[in-house]
Amino acid sequence: MYRSLEPQKIVETAETLHRRIAERLPDSGLSRVGAELLTLSRDAAAVSEWLAAPHWMLRLTAGAGIILMMAIVVGIILSLRVDLGAPKLAELLQGLEAGINEIIFLGIAVFFLLTLERRMKRRRALKAIHELRSIAHIIDMHQLTKDPERVTNPTLDTTTSPKRVLTPFQLTRYLDYCSEMLAIISKIAALYVQKFDDPVTLSAVNDVEELAAGLSRTIWQKIVILDRILFAGQTIPPESPYPPG
């Protein structure tokens, strides 16, 4: 029961997180990113099912192609006229080379047909994983200017510094939401290889998970610094540091 990810649970988690962000930070850019992540989670649920399902039309097409090639090869062999005389060395080598080339080309064609379904699934999975990688970087861009040190010393800002309208408590929640979204990205990525055993796709998923974990560590460093500032009494948060949501 608890040995595999449930796509619907991930969708529900992303939906709940989006509502929390929208309620706490309405009309914010992070709220729109949360909406996009929710859409990706719904798409991932459908894509993961598509990856897990056998595509019989492709398999039948590949099988028919292989049978047709084998039939052609057998027909060619049966139509050959065999010279029972002693072959010359040059003719023997020439015939052997031609036979090896035909076997190689035939093997390539069979391999192409046998891996047609896997390659089609891989292409779709990699495209979806690329979207997850992009949204992870977008989340990182949103938290990039959220510097906890400006809470205690806003006078360090310059005329071109980004506008800082978040209270210390809101900033803590903002960073926490970013970390949660990155965690959801990792879970969505894992869906694509849960029932699709493909080394290339698995490698891409591992890269996304490492990216999300690395970005999340940076965010949590900011959260730790902000918590130390708040509990050291250098600033007084307008709300309790840990209310629901």
C-alpha atoms as a PDB file:
ATOM      1  CA  MET A   1       0.000   0.000   0.000  1.00  0.00           C
ATOM      2  CA  TYR A   2       2.842   2.399   0.850  1.00  0.00           C
ATOM      3  CA  ARG A   3       5.354   1.127  -1.710  1.00  0.00           C
ATOM      4  CA  SER A   4       4.378   3.368  -4.598  1.00  0.00           C
ATOM      5  CA  LEU A   5       3.399   6.964  -5.164  1.00  0.00           C
ATOM      6  CA  GLU A   6      -0.262   7.720  -5.789  1.00  0.00           C
ATOM      7  CA  PRO A   7      -0.626  10.380  -8.500  1.00  0.00           C
ATOM      8  CA  GLN A   8      -3.920  11.623  -7.106  1.00  0.00           C
ATOM      9  CA  LYS A   9      -2.392  12.232  -3.680  1.00  0.00           C
ATOM     10  CA  ILE A  10       0.341  14.334  -5.264  1.00  0.00           C
ATOM     11  CA  VAL A  11      -2.307  16.340  -7.137  1.00  0.00           C
ATOM     12  CA  GLU A  12      -4.225  16.900  -3.892  1.00  0.00           C
ATOM     13  CA  THR A  13      -1.045  18.016  -2.116  1.00  0.00           C
ATOM     14  CA  ALA A  14      -0.225  20.480  -4.915  1.00  0.00           C
ATOM     15  CA  GLU A  15      -3.793  21.781  -4.859  1.00  0.00           C
ATOM     16  CA  THR A  16      -3.733  22.312  -1.098  1.00  0.00           C
ATOM     17  CA  LEU A  17      -0.384  24.085  -1.315  1.00  0.00           C
ATOM     18  CA  HIS A  18      -1.677  26.379  -4.051  1.00  0.00           C
ATOM     19  CA  ARG A  19      -4.679  27.338  -1.912  1.00  0.00           C
ATOM     20  CA  ARG A  20      -2.429  28.035   1.065  1.00  0.00           C
ATOM     21  CA  ILE A  21      -0.205  30.307  -1.017  1.00  0.00           C
ATOM     22  CA  ALA A  22      -3.198  32.091  -2.554  1.00  0.00           C
ATOM     23  CA  GLU A  23      -4.752  32.683   0.871  1.00  0.00           C
ATOM     24  CA  ARG A  24      -1.538  33.891   2.485  1.00  0.00           C
ATOM     25  CA  LEU A  25      -0.066  35.774  -0.503  1.00  0.00           C
ATOM     26  CA  PRO A  26      -2.926  36.658  -2.855  1.00  0.00           C
ATOM     27  CA  ASP A  27      -2.077  38.000  -6.328  1.00  0.00           C
ATOM     28  CA  SER A  28       1.579  37.136  -5.813  1.00  0.00           C
ATOM     29  CA  GLY A  29       3.889  35.704  -8.426  1.00  0.00           C
ATOM     30  CA  LEU A  30       4.470  32.669  -6.209  1.00  0.00           C
ATOM     31  CA  SER A  31       0.734  31.972  -6.239  1.00  0.00           C
ATOM     32  CA  ARG A  32       0.774  31.854 -10.037  1.00  0.00           C
ATOM     33  CA  VAL A  33       3.753  29.508  -9.931  1.00  0.00           C
ATOM     34  CA  GLY A  34       1.770  27.300  -7.550  1.00  0.00           C
ATOM     35  CA  ALA A  35      -1.105  27.234 -10.046  1.00  0.00           C
ATOM     36  CA  GLU A  36       1.290  26.174 -12.786  1.00  0.00           C
ATOM     37  CA  LEU A  37       2.732  23.447 -10.556  1.00  0.00           C
ATOM     38  CA  LEU A  38      -0.796  22.190  -9.902  1.00  0.00           C
ATOM     39  CA  THR A  39      -1.380  21.938 -13.655  1.00  0.00           C
ATOM     40  CA  LEU A  40       1.880  20.027 -14.081  1.00  0.00           C
ATOM     41  CA  SER A  41       0.920  17.603 -11.315  1.00  0.00           C
ATOM     42  CA  ARG A  42      -2.386  16.865 -13.049  1.00  0.00           C
ATOM     43  CA  ASP A  43      -0.614  16.368 -16.350  1.00  0.00           C
ATOM     44  CA  ALA A  44       1.922  14.096 -14.656  1.00  0.00           C
ATOM     45  CA  ALA A  45      -0.824  11.830 -13.344  1.00  0.00           C
ATOM     46  CA  ALA A  46      -2.070  11.294 -16.898  1.00  0.00           C
ATOM     47  CA  VAL A  47       1.416  10.951 -18.393  1.00  0.00           C
ATOM     48  CA  SER A  48       2.503   8.380 -15.802  1.00  0.00           C
ATOM     49  CA  GLU A  49      -0.512   6.233 -16.682  1.00  0.00           C
ATOM     50  CA  TRP A  50       0.307   6.628 -20.375  1.00  0.00           C
ATOM     51  CA  LEU A  51       3.889   5.533 -19.745  1.00  0.00           C
ATOM     52  CA  ALA A  52       2.797   2.479 -17.766  1.00  0.00           C
ATOM     53  CA  ALA A  53       0.242   1.271 -20.315  1.00  0.00           C
ATOM     54  CA  PRO A  54       1.261  -1.031 -23.193  1.00  0.00           C
ATOM     55  CA  HIS A  55       0.725   0.494 -26.631  1.00  0.00           C
ATOM     56  CA  TRP A  56      -0.520  -2.439 -28.653  1.00  0.00           C
ATOM     57  CA  MET A  57      -0.722  -0.613 -31.964  1.00  0.00           C
ATOM     58  CA  LEU A  58       2.995   0.184 -31.839  1.00  0.00           C
ATOM     59  CA  ARG A  59       3.821  -3.354 -30.777  1.00  0.00           C
ATOM     60  CA  LEU A  60       1.727  -4.859 -33.551  1.00  0.00           C
ATOM     61  CA  THR A  61       3.313  -2.499 -36.081  1.00  0.00           C
ATOM     62  CA  ALA A  62       6.804  -3.422 -34.906  1.00  0.00           C
ATOM     63  CA  GLY A  63       5.983  -7.124 -34.953  1.00  0.00           C
ATOM     64  CA  ALA A  64       4.513  -6.919 -38.439  1.00  0.00           C
ATOM     65  CA  GLY A  65       7.600  -5.054 -39.665  1.00  0.00           C
ATOM     66  CA  ILE A  66       9.950  -7.687 -38.217  1.00  0.00           C
ATOM     67  CA  ILE A  67       7.938 -10.543 -39.711  1.00  0.00           C
ATOM     68  CA  LEU A  68       7.917  -8.806 -43.092  1.00  0.00           C
ATOM     69  CA  MET A  69      11.699  -8.352 -43.041  1.00  0.00           C
ATOM     70  CA  MET A  70      12.242 -11.972 -42.058  1.00  0.00           C
ATOM     71  CA  ALA A  71       9.964 -13.104 -44.854  1.00  0.00           C
ATOM     72  CA  ILE A  72      11.924 -11.033 -47.361  1.00  0.00           C
ATOM     73  CA  VAL A  73      15.225 -12.480 -46.116  1.00  0.00           C
ATOM     74  CA  VAL A  74      13.901 -16.039 -46.313  1.00  0.00           C
ATOM     75  CA  GLY A  75      12.572 -15.372 -49.818  1.00  0.00           C
ATOM     76  CA  ILE A  76      15.947 -14.059 -50.947  1.00  0.00           C
ATOM     77  CA  ILE A  77      17.756 -17.071 -49.485  1.00  0.00           C
ATOM     78  CA  LEU A  78      15.391 -19.506 -51.176  1.00  0.00           C
ATOM     79  CA  SER A  79      15.808 -17.739 -54.519  1.00  0.00           C
ATOM     80  CA  LEU A  80      19.605 -17.973 -54.476  1.00  0.00           C
ATOM     81  CA  ARG A  81      21.276 -20.379 -56.858  1.00  0.00           C
ATOM     82  CA  VAL A  82      23.970 -22.343 -55.110  1.00  0.00           C
ATOM     83  CA  ASP A  83      27.087 -23.147 -57.113  1.00  0.00           C
ATOM     84  CA  LEU A  84      28.372 -26.488 -55.846  1.00  0.00           C
ATOM     85  CA  GLY A  85      31.767 -25.918 -57.413  1.00  0.00           C
ATOM     86  CA  ALA A  86      34.741 -24.896 -55.342  1.00  0.00           C
ATOM     87  CA  PRO A  87      34.416 -21.128 -54.758  1.00  0.00           C
ATOM     88  CA  LYS A  88      37.347 -18.864 -55.293  1.00  0.00           C
ATOM     89  CA  LEU A  89      38.776 -17.109 -52.253  1.00  0.00           C
ATOM     90  CA  ALA A  90      37.854 -13.637 -53.553  1.00  0.00           C
ATOM     91  CA  GLU A  91      34.268 -14.683 -54.234  1.00  0.00           C
ATOM     92  CA  LEU A  92      34.038 -16.321 -50.806  1.00  0.00           C
ATOM     93  CA  LEU A  93      35.270 -13.207 -49.032  1.00  0.00           C
ATOM     94  CA  GLN A  94      32.999 -10.976 -51.085  1.00  0.00           C
ATOM     95  CA  GLY A  95      29.977 -13.109 -50.307  1.00  0.00           C
ATOM     96  CA  LEU A  96      30.896 -13.274 -46.624  1.00  0.00           C
ATOM     97  CA  GLU A  97      31.255  -9.485 -46.417  1.00  0.00           C
ATOM     98  CA  ALA A  98      27.895  -8.932 -48.103  1.00  0.00           C
ATOM     99  CA  GLY A  99      26.236 -11.409 -45.762  1.00  0.00           C
ATOM    100  CA  ILE A 100      27.698  -9.724 -42.672  1.00  0.00           C
ATOM    101  CA  ASN A 101      26.539  -6.299 -43.873  1.00  0.00           C
ATOM    102  CA  GLU A 102      23.028  -7.587 -44.469  1.00  0.00           C
ATOM    103  CA  ILE A 103      22.929  -9.150 -40.995  1.00  0.00           C
ATOM    104  CA  ILE A 104      24.087  -5.875 -39.413  1.00  0.00           C
ATOM    105  CA  PHE A 105      21.489  -3.804 -41.285  1.00  0.00           C
ATOM    106  CA  LEU A 106      18.809  -6.329 -40.436  1.00  0.00           C
ATOM    107  CA  GLY A 107      19.789  -6.237 -36.747  1.00  0.00           C
ATOM    108  CA  ILE A 108      19.652  -2.426 -36.716  1.00  0.00           C
ATOM    109  CA  ALA A 109      16.206  -2.465 -38.287  1.00  0.00           C
ATOM    110  CA  VAL A 110      14.926  -5.046 -35.798  1.00  0.00           C
ATOM    111  CA  PHE A 111      16.381  -3.072 -32.887  1.00  0.00           C
ATOM    112  CA  PHE A 112      14.734   0.110 -34.182  1.00  0.00           C
ATOM    113  CA  LEU A 113      11.328  -1.571 -34.321  1.00  0.00           C
ATOM    114  CA  LEU A 114      11.689  -3.298 -30.957  1.00  0.00           C
ATOM    115  CA  THR A 115      12.602  -0.033 -29.165  1.00  0.00           C
ATOM    116  CA  LEU A 116      10.053   2.138 -30.977  1.00  0.00           C
ATOM    117  CA  GLU A 117       7.582   2.165 -28.074  1.00  0.00           C
ATOM    118  CA  ARG A 118      10.258   2.796 -25.450  1.00  0.00           C
ATOM    119  CA  ARG A 119      11.753   5.690 -27.415  1.00  0.00           C
ATOM    120  CA  MET A 120       8.344   7.295 -27.901  1.00  0.00           C
ATOM    121  CA  LYS A 121       7.618   7.040 -24.186  1.00  0.00           C
ATOM    122  CA  ARG A 122      11.078   8.336 -23.343  1.00  0.00           C
ATOM    123  CA  ARG A 123      10.613  11.383 -25.559  1.00  0.00           C
ATOM    124  CA  ARG A 124       7.368  12.328 -23.831  1.00  0.00           C
ATOM    125  CA  ALA A 125       8.778  11.698 -20.346  1.00  0.00           C
ATOM    126  CA  LEU A 126      11.895  13.785 -21.005  1.00  0.00           C
ATOM    127  CA  LYS A 127       9.768  16.660 -22.277  1.00  0.00           C
ATOM    128  CA  ALA A 128       7.702  16.602 -19.077  1.00  0.00           C
ATOM    129  CA  ILE A 129      10.847  16.370 -16.933  1.00  0.00           C
ATOM    130  CA  HIS A 130      12.301  19.383 -18.745  1.00  0.00           C
ATOM    131  CA  GLU A 131       9.200  21.377 -17.727  1.00  0.00           C
ATOM    132  CA  LEU A 132       9.769  20.373 -14.100  1.00  0.00           C
ATOM    133  CA  ARG A 133      13.381  21.498 -14.315  1.00  0.00           C
ATOM    134  CA  SER A 134      12.269  24.864 -15.698  1.00  0.00           C
ATOM    135  CA  ILE A 135       9.680  25.475 -12.973  1.00  0.00           C
ATOM    136  CA  ALA A 136      12.262  24.549 -10.311  1.00  0.00           C
ATOM    137  CA  HIS A 137      14.499  27.328 -11.615  1.00  0.00           C
ATOM    138  CA  ILE A 138      11.507  29.702 -11.687  1.00  0.00           C
ATOM    139  CA  ILE A 139      10.858  28.972  -8.001  1.00  0.00           C
ATOM    140  CA  ASP A 140      14.514  29.663  -7.282  1.00  0.00           C
ATOM    141  CA  MET A 141      14.265  32.996  -9.107  1.00  0.00           C
ATOM    142  CA  HIS A 142      11.292  33.980  -6.916  1.00  0.00           C
ATOM    143  CA  GLN A 143      13.153  33.301  -3.674  1.00  0.00           C
ATOM    144  CA  LEU A 144      16.459  34.720  -4.919  1.00  0.00           C
ATOM    145  CA  THR A 145      15.871  38.245  -3.611  1.00  0.00           C
ATOM    146  CA  LYS A 146      14.240  37.136  -0.339  1.00  0.00           C
ATOM    147  CA  ASP A 147      17.179  38.020   1.906  1.00  0.00           C
ATOM    148  CA  PRO A 148      16.476  37.457   5.641  1.00  0.00           C
ATOM    149  CA  GLU A 149      19.242  39.860   6.675  1.00  0.00           C
ATOM    150  CA  ARG A 150      17.235  42.775   5.275  1.00  0.00           C
ATOM    151  CA  VAL A 151      14.672  42.124   8.021  1.00  0.00           C
ATOM    152  CA  THR A 152      16.996  43.540  10.631  1.00  0.00           C
ATOM    153  CA  ASN A 153      18.737  46.142   8.513  1.00  0.00           C
ATOM    154  CA  PRO A 154      16.569  47.474   5.673  1.00  0.00           C
ATOM    155  CA  THR A 155      18.817  50.529   5.400  1.00  0.00           C
ATOM    156  CA  LEU A 156      21.262  48.433   3.392  1.00  0.00           C
ATOM    157  CA  ASP A 157      18.916  48.623   0.404  1.00  0.00           C
ATOM    158  CA  THR A 158      19.868  50.793  -2.548  1.00  0.00           C
ATOM    159  CA  THR A 159      17.667  52.607  -5.017  1.00  0.00           C
ATOM    160  CA  THR A 160      17.711  49.589  -7.320  1.00  0.00           C
ATOM    161  CA  SER A 161      17.090  47.000  -4.598  1.00  0.00           C
ATOM    162  CA  PRO A 162      13.893  44.943  -5.014  1.00  0.00           C
ATOM    163  CA  LYS A 163      10.873  46.172  -3.098  1.00  0.00           C
ATOM    164  CA  ARG A 164      10.505  44.245   0.157  1.00  0.00           C
ATOM    165  CA  VAL A 165       6.884  44.221   1.294  1.00  0.00           C
ATOM    166  CA  LEU A 166       6.828  40.953   3.235  1.00  0.00           C
ATOM    167  CA  THR A 167       6.813  40.889   7.015  1.00  0.00           C
ATOM    168  CA  PRO A 168       9.274  38.525   8.730  1.00  0.00           C
ATOM    169  CA  PHE A 169       6.502  35.992   9.277  1.00  0.00           C
ATOM    170  CA  GLN A 170       5.315  36.252   5.659  1.00  0.00           C
ATOM    171  CA  LEU A 171       8.900  35.848   4.472  1.00  0.00           C
ATOM    172  CA  THR A 172       9.226  32.644   6.512  1.00  0.00           C
ATOM    173  CA  ARG A 173       6.057  31.263   4.991  1.00  0.00           C
ATOM    174  CA  TYR A 174       7.138  32.369   1.512  1.00  0.00           C
ATOM    175  CA  LEU A 175      10.416  30.466   1.774  1.00  0.00           C
ATOM    176  CA  ASP A 176       8.663  27.456   3.246  1.00  0.00           C
ATOM    177  CA  TYR A 177       6.191  27.404   0.344  1.00  0.00           C
ATOM    178  CA  CYS A 178       9.107  27.461  -2.111  1.00  0.00           C
ATOM    179  CA  SER A 179      10.680  24.484  -0.349  1.00  0.00           C
ATOM    180  CA  GLU A 180       7.403  22.566  -0.423  1.00  0.00           C
ATOM    181  CA  MET A 181       6.952  23.220  -4.132  1.00  0.00           C
ATOM    182  CA  LEU A 182      10.434  21.889  -4.812  1.00  0.00           C
ATOM    183  CA  ALA A 183       9.587  18.754  -2.838  1.00  0.00           C
ATOM    184  CA  ILE A 184       6.439  18.274  -4.941  1.00  0.00           C
ATOM    185  CA  ILE A 185       8.529  18.660  -8.100  1.00  0.00           C
ATOM    186  CA  SER A 186      10.704  15.750  -6.942  1.00  0.00           C
ATOM    187  CA  LYS A 187       7.633  13.591  -6.333  1.00  0.00           C
ATOM    188  CA  ILE A 188       6.160  14.444  -9.737  1.00  0.00           C
ATOM    189  CA  ALA A 189       9.459  13.519 -11.400  1.00  0.00           C
ATOM    190  CA  ALA A 190       9.487  10.186  -9.573  1.00  0.00           C
ATOM    191  CA  LEU A 191       6.070   9.371 -11.052  1.00  0.00           C
ATOM    192  CA  TYR A 192       7.541   9.180 -14.538  1.00  0.00           C
ATOM    193  CA  VAL A 193       9.844   6.269 -13.683  1.00  0.00           C
ATOM    194  CA  GLN A 194       7.659   4.515 -11.142  1.00  0.00           C
ATOM    195  CA  LYS A 195       6.254   2.161 -13.798  1.00  0.00           C
ATOM    196  CA  PHE A 196       8.552   3.020 -16.690  1.00  0.00           C
ATOM    197  CA  ASP A 197      11.922   1.293 -16.437  1.00  0.00           C
ATOM    198  CA  ASP A 198      14.170   3.372 -18.671  1.00  0.00           C
ATOM    199  CA  PRO A 199      17.772   4.269 -17.716  1.00  0.00           C
ATOM    200  CA  VAL A 200      17.814   7.540 -19.665  1.00  0.00           C
ATOM    201  CA  THR A 201      14.585   8.770 -18.079  1.00  0.00           C
ATOM    202  CA  LEU A 202      15.736   7.620 -14.634  1.00  0.00           C
ATOM    203  CA  SER A 203      18.945   9.622 -15.025  1.00  0.00           C
ATOM    204  CA  ALA A 204      16.952  12.734 -15.954  1.00  0.00           C
ATOM    205  CA  VAL A 205      14.676  12.236 -12.934  1.00  0.00           C
ATOM    206  CA  ASN A 206      17.705  11.899 -10.647  1.00  0.00           C
ATOM    207  CA  ASP A 207      19.063  15.181 -12.025  1.00  0.00           C
ATOM    208  CA  VAL A 208      15.771  16.966 -11.258  1.00  0.00           C
ATOM    209  CA  GLU A 209      15.660  15.497  -7.750  1.00  0.00           C
ATOM    210  CA  GLU A 210      19.233  16.623  -7.078  1.00  0.00           C
ATOM    211  CA  LEU A 211      18.426  20.084  -8.438  1.00  0.00           C
ATOM    212  CA  ALA A 212      15.325  20.400  -6.246  1.00  0.00           C
ATOM    213  CA  ALA A 213      17.207  19.152  -3.172  1.00  0.00           C
ATOM    214  CA  GLY A 214      20.061  21.598  -3.761  1.00  0.00           C
ATOM    215  CA  LEU A 215      17.726  24.562  -4.191  1.00  0.00           C
ATOM    216  CA  SER A 216      15.738  23.506  -1.138  1.00  0.00           C
ATOM    217  CA  ARG A 217      18.907  23.414   0.993  1.00  0.00           C
ATOM    218  CA  THR A 218      19.628  27.018   0.020  1.00  0.00           C
ATOM    219  CA  ILE A 219      16.101  28.026   0.991  1.00  0.00           C
ATOM    220  CA  TRP A 220      16.307  26.278   4.340  1.00  0.00           C
ATOM    221  CA  GLN A 221      19.531  28.078   5.121  1.00  0.00           C
ATOM    222  CA  LYS A 222      17.580  31.324   4.758  1.00  0.00           C
ATOM    223  CA  ILE A 223      14.772  29.975   6.950  1.00  0.00           C
ATOM    224  CA  VAL A 224      17.249  29.013   9.690  1.00  0.00           C
ATOM    225  CA  ILE A 225      18.829  32.479   9.583  1.00  0.00           C
ATOM    226  CA  LEU A 226      15.410  34.133   9.749  1.00  0.00           C
ATOM    227  CA  ASP A 227      14.297  31.937  12.658  1.00  0.00           C
ATOM    228  CA  ARG A 228      17.440  32.846  14.587  1.00  0.00           C
ATOM    229  CA  ILE A 229      16.751  36.524  13.983  1.00  0.00           C
ATOM    230  CA  LEU A 230      13.144  36.205  15.134  1.00  0.00           C
ATOM    231  CA  PHE A 231      13.884  34.194  18.250  1.00  0.00           C
ATOM    232  CA  ALA A 232      16.839  36.383  19.142  1.00  0.00           C
ATOM    233  CA  GLY A 233      14.382  39.239  19.504  1.00  0.00           C
ATOM    234  CA  GLN A 234      15.984  41.420  16.855  1.00  0.00           C
ATOM    235  CA  THR A 235      12.576  41.869  15.272  1.00  0.00           C
ATOM    236  CA  ILE A 236       9.072  41.185  16.541  1.00  0.00           C
ATOM    237  CA  PRO A 237       6.900  39.152  14.150  1.00  0.00           C
ATOM    238  CA  PRO A 238       3.302  40.369  13.849  1.00  0.00           C
ATOM    239  CA  GLU A 239       2.017  36.820  14.253  1.00  0.00           C
ATOM    240  CA  SER A 240       3.016  33.610  15.932  1.00  0.00           C
ATOM    241  CA  PRO A 241       5.864  31.969  13.983  1.00  0.00           C
ATOM    242  CA  TYR A 242       4.024  28.691  13.564  1.00  0.00           C
ATOM    243  CA  PRO A 243       0.285  29.104  12.934  1.00  0.00           C
ATOM    244  CA  PRO A 244      -1.555  26.704  10.603  1.00  0.00           C
ATOM    245  CA  GLY A 245      -0.803  27.072   6.898  1.00  0.00           C
END
